[in-house]
């Protein structure tokens, strides 16, 4: 009997973009909202502000821009697993 892997849908986080940057070919401008996987949000460091008040500030602007970053977390490779043993 084959077992199907269940896809875990991780919650996306939102953050305010503090300065412009390009991520995977998508340009983000100051005061845009990036909606992304928690690992991506964490990796952006000081280029963003994930504080809910900062996000609300941008969302309350008349011309609010929300961009979703599509990302699939890579599975560990055999080499990575062997290296940790």
PDB file of N, CA and C in Angstrom:
ATOM      1  N   UNK A   1       0.839  -1.184   0.000  1.00  0.00           N
ATOM      2  CA  UNK A   1       0.000   0.000   0.000  1.00  0.00           C
ATOM      3  C   UNK A   1       0.886   1.252   0.000  1.00  0.00           C
ATOM      4  N   UNK A   2       0.613   2.177  -0.892  1.00  0.00           N
ATOM      5  CA  UNK A   2       1.394   3.406  -0.978  1.00  0.00           C
ATOM      6  C   UNK A   2       0.880   4.435   0.004  1.00  0.00           C
ATOM      7  N   UNK A   3       1.823   5.095   0.652  1.00  0.00           N
ATOM      8  CA  UNK A   3       1.434   6.172   1.559  1.00  0.00           C
ATOM      9  C   UNK A   3       1.666   7.501   0.858  1.00  0.00           C
ATOM     10  N   UNK A   4       0.716   8.403   0.973  1.00  0.00           N
ATOM     11  CA  UNK A   4       0.857   9.721   0.375  1.00  0.00           C
ATOM     12  C   UNK A   4       1.429  10.669   1.422  1.00  0.00           C
ATOM     13  N   UNK A   5       2.373  11.492   1.008  1.00  0.00           N
ATOM     14  CA  UNK A   5       2.907  12.506   1.904  1.00  0.00           C
ATOM     15  C   UNK A   5       1.889  13.626   2.039  1.00  0.00           C
ATOM     16  N   UNK A   6       1.642  14.045   3.242  1.00  0.00           N
ATOM     17  CA  UNK A   6       0.731  15.166   3.456  1.00  0.00           C
ATOM     18  C   UNK A   6       1.528  16.451   3.338  1.00  0.00           C
ATOM     19  N   UNK A   7       1.025  17.377   2.530  1.00  0.00           N
ATOM     20  CA  UNK A   7       1.671  18.676   2.414  1.00  0.00           C
ATOM     21  C   UNK A   7       1.267  19.531   3.598  1.00  0.00           C
ATOM     22  N   UNK A   8       2.257  19.973   4.346  1.00  0.00           N
ATOM     23  CA  UNK A   8       1.974  20.879   5.451  1.00  0.00           C
ATOM     24  C   UNK A   8       1.907  22.289   4.890  1.00  0.00           C
ATOM     25  N   UNK A   9       0.816  22.946   5.113  1.00  0.00           N
ATOM     26  CA  UNK A   9       0.675  24.317   4.679  1.00  0.00           C
ATOM     27  C   UNK A   9       1.123  25.210   5.821  1.00  0.00           C
ATOM     28  N   UNK A  10       2.300  25.776   5.668  1.00  0.00           N
ATOM     29  CA  UNK A  10       2.807  26.647   6.707  1.00  0.00           C
ATOM     30  C   UNK A  10       2.214  28.032   6.523  1.00  0.00           C
ATOM     31  N   UNK A  11       1.973  28.678   7.628  1.00  0.00           N
ATOM     32  CA  UNK A  11       1.382  30.003   7.591  1.00  0.00           C
ATOM     33  C   UNK A  11       2.398  31.004   7.049  1.00  0.00           C
ATOM     34  N   UNK A  12       1.946  31.846   6.150  1.00  0.00           N
ATOM     35  CA  UNK A  12       2.795  32.906   5.624  1.00  0.00           C
ATOM     36  C   UNK A  12       2.778  34.080   6.589  1.00  0.00           C
ATOM     37  N   UNK A  13       3.896  34.762   6.663  1.00  0.00           N
ATOM     38  CA  UNK A  13       4.002  35.951   7.495  1.00  0.00           C
ATOM     39  C   UNK A  13       4.052  37.177   6.601  1.00  0.00           C
ATOM     40  N   UNK A  14       3.652  38.309   7.161  1.00  0.00           N
ATOM     41  CA  UNK A  14       3.724  39.572   6.440  1.00  0.00           C
ATOM     42  C   UNK A  14       4.732  40.479   7.127  1.00  0.00           C
ATOM     43  N   UNK A  15       5.386  41.322   6.325  1.00  0.00           N
ATOM     44  CA  UNK A  15       6.323  42.294   6.866  1.00  0.00           C
ATOM     45  C   UNK A  15       6.350  43.524   5.966  1.00  0.00           C
ATOM     46  N   UNK A  16       6.666  44.661   6.552  1.00  0.00           N
ATOM     47  CA  UNK A  16       6.799  45.918   5.805  1.00  0.00           C
ATOM     48  C   UNK A  16       8.205  45.980   5.219  1.00  0.00           C
ATOM     49  N   UNK A  17       8.293  46.312   3.948  1.00  0.00           N
ATOM     50  CA  UNK A  17       9.593  46.487   3.298  1.00  0.00           C
ATOM     51  C   UNK A  17      10.115  47.875   3.658  1.00  0.00           C
ATOM     52  N   UNK A  18      11.327  47.919   4.222  1.00  0.00           N
ATOM     53  CA  UNK A  18      11.898  49.197   4.651  1.00  0.00           C
ATOM     54  C   UNK A  18      12.716  49.864   3.555  1.00  0.00           C
ATOM     55  N   UNK A  19      13.317  49.096   2.720  1.00  0.00           N
ATOM     56  CA  UNK A  19      14.107  49.628   1.603  1.00  0.00           C
ATOM     57  C   UNK A  19      13.879  48.728   0.412  1.00  0.00           C
ATOM     58  N   UNK A  20      14.092  49.244  -0.746  1.00  0.00           N
ATOM     59  CA  UNK A  20      13.864  48.430  -1.932  1.00  0.00           C
ATOM     60  C   UNK A  20      14.886  47.316  -2.067  1.00  0.00           C
ATOM     61  N   UNK A  21      14.440  46.187  -2.560  1.00  0.00           N
ATOM     62  CA  UNK A  21      15.324  45.062  -2.855  1.00  0.00           C
ATOM     63  C   UNK A  21      14.636  44.160  -3.863  1.00  0.00           C
ATOM     64  N   UNK A  22      15.420  43.291  -4.457  1.00  0.00           N
ATOM     65  CA  UNK A  22      14.887  42.308  -5.399  1.00  0.00           C
ATOM     66  C   UNK A  22      15.122  40.930  -4.820  1.00  0.00           C
ATOM     67  N   UNK A  23      14.093  40.112  -4.820  1.00  0.00           N
ATOM     68  CA  UNK A  23      14.171  38.751  -4.294  1.00  0.00           C
ATOM     69  C   UNK A  23      13.591  37.811  -5.334  1.00  0.00           C
ATOM     70  N   UNK A  24      14.413  36.916  -5.834  1.00  0.00           N
ATOM     71  CA  UNK A  24      13.987  35.946  -6.848  1.00  0.00           C
ATOM     72  C   UNK A  24      13.307  36.619  -8.043  1.00  0.00           C
ATOM     73  N   UNK A  25      13.880  37.739  -8.483  1.00  0.00           N
ATOM     74  CA  UNK A  25      13.383  38.427  -9.666  1.00  0.00           C
ATOM     75  C   UNK A  25      12.210  39.361  -9.439  1.00  0.00           C
ATOM     76  N   UNK A  26      11.727  39.458  -8.200  1.00  0.00           N
ATOM     77  CA  UNK A  26      10.605  40.347  -7.885  1.00  0.00           C
ATOM     78  C   UNK A  26      11.148  41.553  -7.113  1.00  0.00           C
ATOM     79  N   UNK A  27      10.801  42.753  -7.589  1.00  0.00           N
ATOM     80  CA  UNK A  27      11.259  43.976  -6.939  1.00  0.00           C
ATOM     81  C   UNK A  27      10.255  44.409  -5.881  1.00  0.00           C
ATOM     82  N   UNK A  28      10.774  44.674  -4.700  1.00  0.00           N
ATOM     83  CA  UNK A  28       9.972  45.161  -3.579  1.00  0.00           C
ATOM     84  C   UNK A  28      10.422  46.588  -3.286  1.00  0.00           C
ATOM     85  N   UNK A  29       9.452  47.479  -3.086  1.00  0.00           N
ATOM     86  CA  UNK A  29       9.738  48.886  -2.817  1.00  0.00           C
ATOM     87  C   UNK A  29       9.401  49.210  -1.363  1.00  0.00           C
ATOM     88  N   UNK A  30       9.943  50.324  -0.882  1.00  0.00           N
ATOM     89  CA  UNK A  30       9.637  50.774   0.482  1.00  0.00           C
ATOM     90  C   UNK A  30       8.132  50.844   0.676  1.00  0.00           C
ATOM     91  N   UNK A  31       7.692  50.360   1.816  1.00  0.00           N
ATOM     92  CA  UNK A  31       6.287  50.333   2.238  1.00  0.00           C
ATOM     93  C   UNK A  31       5.431  49.309   1.505  1.00  0.00           C
ATOM     94  N   UNK A  32       6.026  48.466   0.653  1.00  0.00           N
ATOM     95  CA  UNK A  32       5.302  47.295   0.151  1.00  0.00           C
ATOM     96  C   UNK A  32       5.176  46.314   1.311  1.00  0.00           C
ATOM     97  N   UNK A  33       4.248  45.399   1.200  1.00  0.00           N
ATOM     98  CA  UNK A  33       4.126  44.306   2.163  1.00  0.00           C
ATOM     99  C   UNK A  33       4.588  43.036   1.459  1.00  0.00           C
ATOM    100  N   UNK A  34       5.542  42.348   2.068  1.00  0.00           N
ATOM    101  CA  UNK A  34       5.950  41.049   1.555  1.00  0.00           C
ATOM    102  C   UNK A  34       5.255  39.995   2.398  1.00  0.00           C
ATOM    103  N   UNK A  35       4.666  39.045   1.723  1.00  0.00           N
ATOM    104  CA  UNK A  35       3.983  37.934   2.379  1.00  0.00           C
ATOM    105  C   UNK A  35       4.774  36.688   1.986  1.00  0.00           C
ATOM    106  N   UNK A  36       5.394  36.034   2.985  1.00  0.00           N
ATOM    107  CA  UNK A  36       6.310  34.949   2.660  1.00  0.00           C
ATOM    108  C   UNK A  36       6.412  33.933   3.794  1.00  0.00           C
ATOM    109  N   UNK A  37       7.048  32.824   3.475  1.00  0.00           N
ATOM    110  CA  UNK A  37       7.339  31.766   4.440  1.00  0.00           C
ATOM    111  C   UNK A  37       8.185  32.359   5.583  1.00  0.00           C
ATOM    112  N   UNK A  38       7.990  31.921   6.816  1.00  0.00           N
ATOM    113  CA  UNK A  38       8.756  32.448   7.950  1.00  0.00           C
ATOM    114  C   UNK A  38      10.269  32.403   7.761  1.00  0.00           C
ATOM    115  N   UNK A  39      10.798  31.389   7.087  1.00  0.00           N
ATOM    116  CA  UNK A  39      12.245  31.309   6.852  1.00  0.00           C
ATOM    117  C   UNK A  39      12.727  32.449   5.960  1.00  0.00           C
ATOM    118  N   UNK A  40      11.921  32.823   4.980  1.00  0.00           N
ATOM    119  CA  UNK A  40      12.282  33.940   4.094  1.00  0.00           C
ATOM    120  C   UNK A  40      12.226  35.247   4.876  1.00  0.00           C
ATOM    121  N   UNK A  41      11.159  35.444   5.636  1.00  0.00           N
ATOM    122  CA  UNK A  41      11.028  36.666   6.433  1.00  0.00           C
ATOM    123  C   UNK A  41      12.229  36.805   7.365  1.00  0.00           C
ATOM    124  N   UNK A  42      12.600  35.730   8.025  1.00  0.00           N
ATOM    125  CA  UNK A  42      13.741  35.755   8.949  1.00  0.00           C
ATOM    126  C   UNK A  42      15.035  36.097   8.210  1.00  0.00           C
ATOM    127  N   UNK A  43      15.199  35.577   6.996  1.00  0.00           N
ATOM    128  CA  UNK A  43      16.439  35.778   6.247  1.00  0.00           C
ATOM    129  C   UNK A  43      16.614  37.215   5.741  1.00  0.00           C
ATOM    130  N   UNK A  44      15.537  37.977   5.679  1.00  0.00           N
ATOM    131  CA  UNK A  44      15.619  39.337   5.144  1.00  0.00           C
ATOM    132  C   UNK A  44      16.149  40.347   6.158  1.00  0.00           C
ATOM    133  N   UNK A  45      16.250  39.945   7.403  1.00  0.00           N
ATOM    134  CA  UNK A  45      16.882  40.778   8.429  1.00  0.00           C
ATOM    135  C   UNK A  45      16.314  42.180   8.538  1.00  0.00           C
ATOM    136  N   UNK A  46      17.208  43.187   8.441  1.00  0.00           N
ATOM    137  CA  UNK A  46      16.809  44.576   8.656  1.00  0.00           C
ATOM    138  C   UNK A  46      16.215  45.239   7.408  1.00  0.00           C
ATOM    139  N   UNK A  47      16.061  44.499   6.320  1.00  0.00           N
ATOM    140  CA  UNK A  47      15.440  45.063   5.114  1.00  0.00           C
ATOM    141  C   UNK A  47      13.927  45.157   5.260  1.00  0.00           C
ATOM    142  N   UNK A  48      13.404  44.509   6.307  1.00  0.00           N
ATOM    143  CA  UNK A  48      11.955  44.481   6.534  1.00  0.00           C
ATOM    144  C   UNK A  48      11.650  44.743   8.000  1.00  0.00           C
ATOM    145  N   UNK A  49      10.381  45.023   8.276  1.00  0.00           N
ATOM    146  CA  UNK A  49       9.902  45.178   9.653  1.00  0.00           C
ATOM    147  C   UNK A  49       8.653  44.311   9.807  1.00  0.00           C
ATOM    148  N   UNK A  50       8.777  43.178  10.528  1.00  0.00           N
ATOM    149  CA  UNK A  50       7.630  42.284  10.675  1.00  0.00           C
ATOM    150  C   UNK A  50       6.660  42.683  11.790  1.00  0.00           C
ATOM    151  N   UNK A  51       6.938  43.776  12.483  1.00  0.00           N
ATOM    152  CA  UNK A  51       6.067  44.214  13.573  1.00  0.00           C
ATOM    153  C   UNK A  51       4.659  44.471  13.040  1.00  0.00           C
ATOM    154  N   UNK A  52       3.629  43.946  13.721  1.00  0.00           N
ATOM    155  CA  UNK A  52       2.243  44.142  13.249  1.00  0.00           C
ATOM    156  C   UNK A  52       1.860  45.607  13.037  1.00  0.00           C
ATOM    157  N   UNK A  53       2.386  46.506  13.860  1.00  0.00           N
ATOM    158  CA  UNK A  53       2.075  47.930  13.696  1.00  0.00           C
ATOM    159  C   UNK A  53       2.643  48.464  12.381  1.00  0.00           C
ATOM    160  N   UNK A  54       3.821  48.007  12.002  1.00  0.00           N
ATOM    161  CA  UNK A  54       4.432  48.438  10.735  1.00  0.00           C
ATOM    162  C   UNK A  54       3.632  47.911   9.552  1.00  0.00           C
ATOM    163  N   UNK A  55       3.195  46.664   9.650  1.00  0.00           N
ATOM    164  CA  UNK A  55       2.382  46.075   8.585  1.00  0.00           C
ATOM    165  C   UNK A  55       1.051  46.813   8.481  1.00  0.00           C
ATOM    166  N   UNK A  56       0.401  47.077   9.618  1.00  0.00           N
ATOM    167  CA  UNK A  56      -0.876  47.802   9.612  1.00  0.00           C
ATOM    168  C   UNK A  56      -0.734  49.188   9.002  1.00  0.00           C
ATOM    169  N   UNK A  57       0.384  49.859   9.301  1.00  0.00           N
ATOM    170  CA  UNK A  57       0.630  51.191   8.737  1.00  0.00           C
ATOM    171  C   UNK A  57       0.551  51.138   7.209  1.00  0.00           C
ATOM    172  N   UNK A  58       1.215  50.165   6.627  1.00  0.00           N
ATOM    173  CA  UNK A  58       1.224  50.042   5.161  1.00  0.00           C
ATOM    174  C   UNK A  58      -0.130  49.598   4.613  1.00  0.00           C
ATOM    175  N   UNK A  59      -0.777  48.688   5.319  1.00  0.00           N
ATOM    176  CA  UNK A  59      -2.080  48.203   4.856  1.00  0.00           C
ATOM    177  C   UNK A  59      -3.140  49.299   4.882  1.00  0.00           C
ATOM    178  N   UNK A  60      -2.982  50.273   5.770  1.00  0.00           N
ATOM    179  CA  UNK A  60      -3.955  51.353   5.876  1.00  0.00           C
ATOM    180  C   UNK A  60      -3.726  52.464   4.859  1.00  0.00           C
ATOM    181  N   UNK A  61      -2.635  52.380   4.116  1.00  0.00           N
ATOM    182  CA  UNK A  61      -2.396  53.367   3.063  1.00  0.00           C
ATOM    183  C   UNK A  61      -3.349  53.081   1.905  1.00  0.00           C
ATOM    184  N   UNK A  62      -3.763  54.129   1.217  1.00  0.00           N
ATOM    185  CA  UNK A  62      -4.721  53.985   0.129  1.00  0.00           C
ATOM    186  C   UNK A  62      -4.190  53.098  -0.994  1.00  0.00           C
ATOM    187  N   UNK A  63      -2.892  53.158  -1.241  1.00  0.00           N
ATOM    188  CA  UNK A  63      -2.310  52.395  -2.350  1.00  0.00           C
ATOM    189  C   UNK A  63      -1.445  51.236  -1.851  1.00  0.00           C
ATOM    190  N   UNK A  64      -1.941  50.527  -0.866  1.00  0.00           N
ATOM    191  CA  UNK A  64      -1.186  49.414  -0.274  1.00  0.00           C
ATOM    192  C   UNK A  64      -0.863  48.356  -1.329  1.00  0.00           C
ATOM    193  N   UNK A  65       0.393  47.872  -1.292  1.00  0.00           N
ATOM    194  CA  UNK A  65       0.850  46.847  -2.232  1.00  0.00           C
ATOM    195  C   UNK A  65       1.292  45.626  -1.431  1.00  0.00           C
ATOM    196  N   UNK A  66       0.654  44.489  -1.714  1.00  0.00           N
ATOM    197  CA  UNK A  66       1.023  43.233  -1.056  1.00  0.00           C
ATOM    198  C   UNK A  66       1.541  42.288  -2.130  1.00  0.00           C
ATOM    199  N   UNK A  67       2.761  41.787  -1.921  1.00  0.00           N
ATOM    200  CA  UNK A  67       3.351  40.846  -2.870  1.00  0.00           C
ATOM    201  C   UNK A  67       3.665  39.554  -2.134  1.00  0.00           C
ATOM    202  N   UNK A  68       3.153  38.449  -2.660  1.00  0.00           N
ATOM    203  CA  UNK A  68       3.393  37.136  -2.050  1.00  0.00           C
ATOM    204  C   UNK A  68       4.625  36.502  -2.695  1.00  0.00           C
ATOM    205  N   UNK A  69       5.540  36.076  -1.857  1.00  0.00           N
ATOM    206  CA  UNK A  69       6.735  35.385  -2.348  1.00  0.00           C
ATOM    207  C   UNK A  69       6.464  33.895  -2.304  1.00  0.00           C
ATOM    208  N   UNK A  70       6.478  33.258  -3.468  1.00  0.00           N
ATOM    209  CA  UNK A  70       6.248  31.816  -3.560  1.00  0.00           C
ATOM    210  C   UNK A  70       7.575  31.100  -3.343  1.00  0.00           C
ATOM    211  N   UNK A  71       7.589  30.174  -2.409  1.00  0.00           N
ATOM    212  CA  UNK A  71       8.817  29.470  -2.070  1.00  0.00           C
ATOM    213  C   UNK A  71       8.469  28.098  -1.541  1.00  0.00           C
ATOM    214  N   UNK A  72       9.203  27.100  -1.995  1.00  0.00           N
ATOM    215  CA  UNK A  72       9.033  25.754  -1.487  1.00  0.00           C
ATOM    216  C   UNK A  72      10.292  25.387  -0.736  1.00  0.00           C
ATOM    217  N   UNK A  73      10.142  25.052   0.522  1.00  0.00           N
ATOM    218  CA  UNK A  73      11.298  24.704   1.338  1.00  0.00           C
ATOM    219  C   UNK A  73      11.924  23.432   0.777  1.00  0.00           C
ATOM    220  N   UNK A  74      13.228  23.488   0.467  1.00  0.00           N
ATOM    221  CA  UNK A  74      13.869  22.303  -0.101  1.00  0.00           C
ATOM    222  C   UNK A  74      13.982  21.184   0.930  1.00  0.00           C
ATOM    223  N   UNK A  75      13.835  19.951   0.442  1.00  0.00           N
ATOM    224  CA  UNK A  75      14.005  18.807   1.331  1.00  0.00           C
ATOM    225  C   UNK A  75      15.493  18.547   1.483  1.00  0.00           C
ATOM    226  N   UNK A  76      15.896  17.999   2.621  1.00  0.00           N
ATOM    227  CA  UNK A  76      17.303  17.700   2.863  1.00  0.00           C
ATOM    228  C   UNK A  76      17.789  16.685   1.844  1.00  0.00           C
ATOM    229  N   UNK A  77      18.981  16.929   1.336  1.00  0.00           N
ATOM    230  CA  UNK A  77      19.556  15.983   0.389  1.00  0.00           C
ATOM    231  C   UNK A  77      20.253  14.859   1.154  1.00  0.00           C
ATOM    232  N   UNK A  78      20.573  13.812   0.462  1.00  0.00           N
ATOM    233  CA  UNK A  78      21.254  12.681   1.094  1.00  0.00           C
ATOM    234  C   UNK A  78      22.595  13.130   1.650  1.00  0.00           C
ATOM    235  N   UNK A  79      23.303  13.990   0.915  1.00  0.00           N
ATOM    236  CA  UNK A  79      24.607  14.459   1.379  1.00  0.00           C
ATOM    237  C   UNK A  79      24.483  15.212   2.689  1.00  0.00           C
ATOM    238  N   UNK A  80      23.431  16.068   2.832  1.00  0.00           N
ATOM    239  CA  UNK A  80      23.244  16.819   4.058  1.00  0.00           C
ATOM    240  C   UNK A  80      22.962  15.893   5.229  1.00  0.00           C
ATOM    241  N   UNK A  81      22.169  14.856   5.001  1.00  0.00           N
ATOM    242  CA  UNK A  81      21.834  13.908   6.056  1.00  0.00           C
ATOM    243  C   UNK A  81      23.083  13.146   6.469  1.00  0.00           C
ATOM    244  N   UNK A  82      23.881  12.685   5.491  1.00  0.00           N
ATOM    245  CA  UNK A  82      25.108  11.947   5.800  1.00  0.00           C
ATOM    246  C   UNK A  82      26.104  12.829   6.536  1.00  0.00           C
ATOM    247  N   UNK A  83      26.185  14.115   6.194  1.00  0.00           N
ATOM    248  CA  UNK A  83      27.122  15.017   6.823  1.00  0.00           C
ATOM    249  C   UNK A  83      26.804  15.265   8.290  1.00  0.00           C
ATOM    250  N   UNK A  84      25.538  15.133   8.650  1.00  0.00           N
ATOM    251  CA  UNK A  84      25.141  15.381  10.042  1.00  0.00           C
ATOM    252  C   UNK A  84      25.286  14.146  10.919  1.00  0.00           C
ATOM    253  N   UNK A  85      25.607  13.009  10.312  1.00  0.00           N
ATOM    254  CA  UNK A  85      25.727  11.777  11.095  1.00  0.00           C
ATOM    255  C   UNK A  85      27.140  11.570  11.563  1.00  0.00           C
TER     256      UNK A  85
END
